[in-house]
């Protein structure tokens, strides 16, 4: 069922027109930038958007310009693991796993998940309870299971990616907040 849902939602997300996507991205960014969790976070772990995901380029730039420490993941496929690195500039990134921009380890400092104040994760779809379906690799569930702090986990999503209910398993890590172009969902209030 997860695979079927993943395919359906990716198709739905891919069909959002470019003009509509730009407007939705701006709405999501504005909601994120006004969120107390974002404002007070000194260190942010975020991903570099890929294909039709909510654009994170401007979020990364804004965080860097505000003097926040910005952490991005690097995929180590053989070990099935994400390594986190602090970047000082977009120039610290290069094309990596599946063509996604990742930190260049030689010029970036490795960071542990428990050094992060705010975590922004990708996903294909979400429900209001904080369940998510990713791309099937389990990378984010693994790294989030190592988290021992109360750092909030946020997902950025188009409203088209919100579904009624996602089947979840004990190892699935829920997100705390979902920001869409239309609303901010506090998953704790829905559970």
Protein backbone atom coordinates (compact mmCIF):
# COMPACT_ATOMS: atom_id res chain seq x y z
CA UNK A 1 0.00 0.00 0.00
CA UNK A 2 2.87 2.41 0.79
CA UNK A 3 4.41 1.88 -2.66
CA UNK A 4 1.07 2.53 -4.36
CA UNK A 5 0.50 5.69 -2.32
CA UNK A 6 4.09 6.86 -2.95
CA UNK A 7 3.64 6.53 -6.74
CA UNK A 8 0.23 8.26 -6.73
CA UNK A 9 1.40 11.24 -4.69
CA UNK A 10 4.62 11.73 -6.68
CA UNK A 11 2.52 11.88 -9.87
CA UNK A 12 0.13 14.34 -8.18
CA UNK A 13 3.06 16.48 -6.98
CA UNK A 14 4.72 16.40 -10.41
CA UNK A 15 1.52 17.76 -11.98
CA UNK A 16 1.58 21.03 -10.01
CA UNK A 17 2.26 23.78 -12.55
CA UNK A 18 5.46 25.82 -12.24
CA UNK A 19 3.58 29.08 -11.49
CA UNK A 20 1.44 27.37 -8.89
CA UNK A 21 4.53 25.71 -7.38
CA UNK A 22 6.37 29.07 -7.06
CA UNK A 23 3.38 30.56 -5.24
CA UNK A 24 3.05 27.51 -2.98
CA UNK A 25 6.80 27.51 -2.20
CA UNK A 26 6.63 31.16 -1.16
CA UNK A 27 3.64 30.49 1.11
CA UNK A 28 5.44 27.55 2.76
CA UNK A 29 8.65 29.57 3.23
CA UNK A 30 6.77 32.46 4.83
CA UNK A 31 5.05 30.12 7.28
CA UNK A 32 8.38 28.46 8.15
CA UNK A 33 10.20 31.80 8.62
CA UNK A 34 7.51 33.01 11.05
CA UNK A 35 7.49 29.77 13.07
CA UNK A 36 8.95 30.24 16.59
CA UNK A 37 10.85 26.95 16.21
CA UNK A 38 12.64 28.33 13.14
CA UNK A 39 13.26 31.78 14.60
CA UNK A 40 14.91 30.50 17.79
CA UNK A 41 16.88 27.63 16.18
CA UNK A 42 20.63 28.25 15.95
CA UNK A 43 21.38 25.02 14.06
CA UNK A 44 19.10 23.71 11.32
CA UNK A 45 19.31 20.32 9.60
CA UNK A 46 17.65 20.57 6.18
CA UNK A 47 17.78 18.72 2.88
CA UNK A 48 18.43 20.13 -0.60
CA UNK A 49 15.21 19.77 -2.59
CA UNK A 50 15.06 17.43 -5.55
CA UNK A 51 12.72 17.22 -8.54
CA UNK A 52 9.20 18.40 -7.59
CA UNK A 53 9.77 18.70 -3.82
CA UNK A 54 9.07 21.97 -2.01
CA UNK A 55 12.04 24.18 -2.92
CA UNK A 56 14.55 24.51 -0.07
CA UNK A 57 17.23 26.59 -1.85
CA UNK A 58 15.91 29.94 -0.55
CA UNK A 59 15.37 28.50 2.93
CA UNK A 60 19.02 27.39 3.07
CA UNK A 61 20.20 30.81 1.84
CA UNK A 62 17.98 32.70 4.32
CA UNK A 63 19.17 30.55 7.23
CA UNK A 64 22.81 31.14 6.26
CA UNK A 65 22.19 34.89 5.87
CA UNK A 66 20.60 34.99 9.34
CA UNK A 67 23.79 33.48 10.79
CA UNK A 68 22.25 30.09 11.56
CA UNK A 69 24.37 26.96 11.32
CA UNK A 70 23.06 24.97 8.37
CA UNK A 71 23.49 21.20 8.23
CA UNK A 72 22.80 19.06 5.16
CA UNK A 73 22.93 15.29 4.70
CA UNK A 74 25.27 13.21 2.58
CA UNK A 75 24.04 9.72 1.65
CA UNK A 76 26.35 6.76 2.14
CA UNK A 77 24.39 4.16 0.19
CA UNK A 78 26.56 1.13 1.04
CA UNK A 79 26.19 1.80 4.78
CA UNK A 80 22.54 2.92 4.36
CA UNK A 81 23.34 6.00 6.40
CA UNK A 82 23.12 9.77 6.32
CA UNK A 83 26.17 11.76 7.39
CA UNK A 84 25.49 15.35 8.43
CA UNK A 85 27.77 18.23 7.49
CA UNK A 86 27.70 21.93 8.27
CA UNK A 87 27.97 24.20 5.25
CA UNK A 88 28.95 27.88 5.14
CA UNK A 89 27.67 28.52 1.63
CA UNK A 90 25.71 26.93 -1.20
CA UNK A 91 29.15 26.62 -2.85
CA UNK A 92 29.97 23.91 -0.27
CA UNK A 93 27.59 21.55 -2.14
CA UNK A 94 28.03 19.34 -5.17
CA UNK A 95 25.89 16.82 -7.02
CA UNK A 96 25.78 13.56 -5.08
CA UNK A 97 23.45 10.59 -4.55
CA UNK A 98 20.80 10.51 -7.32
CA UNK A 99 21.97 13.96 -8.46
CA UNK A 100 20.89 15.61 -5.20
CA UNK A 101 23.16 18.39 -3.96
CA UNK A 102 25.14 17.26 -0.90
CA UNK A 103 27.92 18.76 1.23
CA UNK A 104 31.48 18.24 0.08
CA UNK A 105 33.03 16.40 3.08
CA UNK A 106 36.53 17.82 2.55
CA UNK A 107 35.35 21.40 3.12
CA UNK A 108 32.44 20.75 5.50
CA UNK A 109 32.46 19.88 9.20
CA UNK A 110 30.69 16.67 10.25
CA UNK A 111 27.94 17.17 12.83
CA UNK A 112 25.88 14.79 14.98
CA UNK A 113 22.07 14.78 14.95
CA UNK A 114 22.02 15.80 18.62
CA UNK A 115 23.80 19.08 17.82
CA UNK A 116 20.79 20.24 15.80
CA UNK A 117 17.99 22.52 17.11
CA UNK A 118 15.54 22.05 14.24
CA UNK A 119 15.18 19.22 11.71
CA UNK A 120 13.46 19.66 8.34
CA UNK A 121 12.85 16.38 6.52
CA UNK A 122 11.68 15.47 3.03
CA UNK A 123 8.85 13.11 2.25
CA UNK A 124 6.43 12.03 -0.42
CA UNK A 125 3.27 12.26 1.67
CA UNK A 126 2.07 12.92 5.20
CA UNK A 127 -1.02 12.61 7.34
CA UNK A 128 -2.17 14.99 10.09
CA UNK A 129 -0.87 12.57 12.74
CA UNK A 130 2.73 13.15 11.64
CA UNK A 131 3.17 9.88 9.75
CA UNK A 132 5.25 10.17 6.59
CA UNK A 133 6.14 8.12 3.58
CA UNK A 134 9.60 8.85 2.25
CA UNK A 135 11.29 7.42 -0.79
CA UNK A 136 11.72 3.93 0.67
CA UNK A 137 15.37 4.01 1.75
CA UNK A 138 14.70 4.50 5.46
CA UNK A 139 17.61 6.97 5.76
CA UNK A 140 15.67 9.57 7.73
CA UNK A 141 14.03 7.03 10.06
CA UNK A 142 17.51 5.72 10.90
CA UNK A 143 19.07 9.13 11.61
CA UNK A 144 15.99 10.36 13.52
CA UNK A 145 16.03 7.23 15.69
CA UNK A 146 19.46 8.42 16.93
CA UNK A 147 18.00 11.75 18.11
CA UNK A 148 18.05 12.14 21.90
CA UNK A 149 17.04 15.82 22.04
CA UNK A 150 13.62 17.47 21.80
CA UNK A 151 14.52 19.13 18.50
CA UNK A 152 11.29 19.49 16.53
CA UNK A 153 10.98 17.61 13.24
CA UNK A 154 9.25 19.60 10.50
CA UNK A 155 8.05 18.52 7.06
CA UNK A 156 7.49 20.88 4.15
CA UNK A 157 4.65 19.71 1.93
CA UNK A 158 2.25 20.83 -0.73
CA UNK A 159 -1.38 20.42 0.34
CA UNK A 160 -1.64 17.80 -2.45
CA UNK A 161 0.74 15.57 -0.45
CA UNK A 162 -1.51 15.37 2.63
CA UNK A 163 -3.49 12.14 2.80
CA UNK A 164 -6.17 10.84 5.18
CA UNK A 165 -4.10 8.16 6.93
CA UNK A 166 -0.71 6.56 6.38
CA UNK A 167 -0.13 3.03 7.66
CA UNK A 168 2.75 3.22 10.13
CA UNK A 169 5.09 0.70 11.71
CA UNK A 170 6.90 0.93 15.08
CA UNK A 171 10.22 1.95 13.47
CA UNK A 172 8.61 4.84 11.53
CA UNK A 173 9.50 8.22 13.04
CA UNK A 174 6.72 10.80 13.03
CA UNK A 175 7.15 14.49 12.27
CA UNK A 176 5.98 17.12 14.76
CA UNK A 177 4.87 19.86 12.39
CA UNK A 178 3.83 19.84 8.73
CA UNK A 179 3.89 23.13 6.85
CA UNK A 180 1.82 23.23 3.67
CA UNK A 181 0.95 26.08 1.35
CA UNK A 182 -2.45 26.31 3.12
CA UNK A 183 -1.81 25.53 6.80
CA UNK A 184 0.50 24.54 9.62
CA UNK A 185 -0.38 21.14 11.06
CA UNK A 186 0.71 20.44 14.63
CA UNK A 187 0.74 16.63 14.56
CA UNK A 188 0.76 16.36 18.37
CA UNK A 189 -2.69 17.95 18.49
CA UNK A 190 -4.04 15.32 16.08
CA UNK A 191 -2.70 12.25 17.87
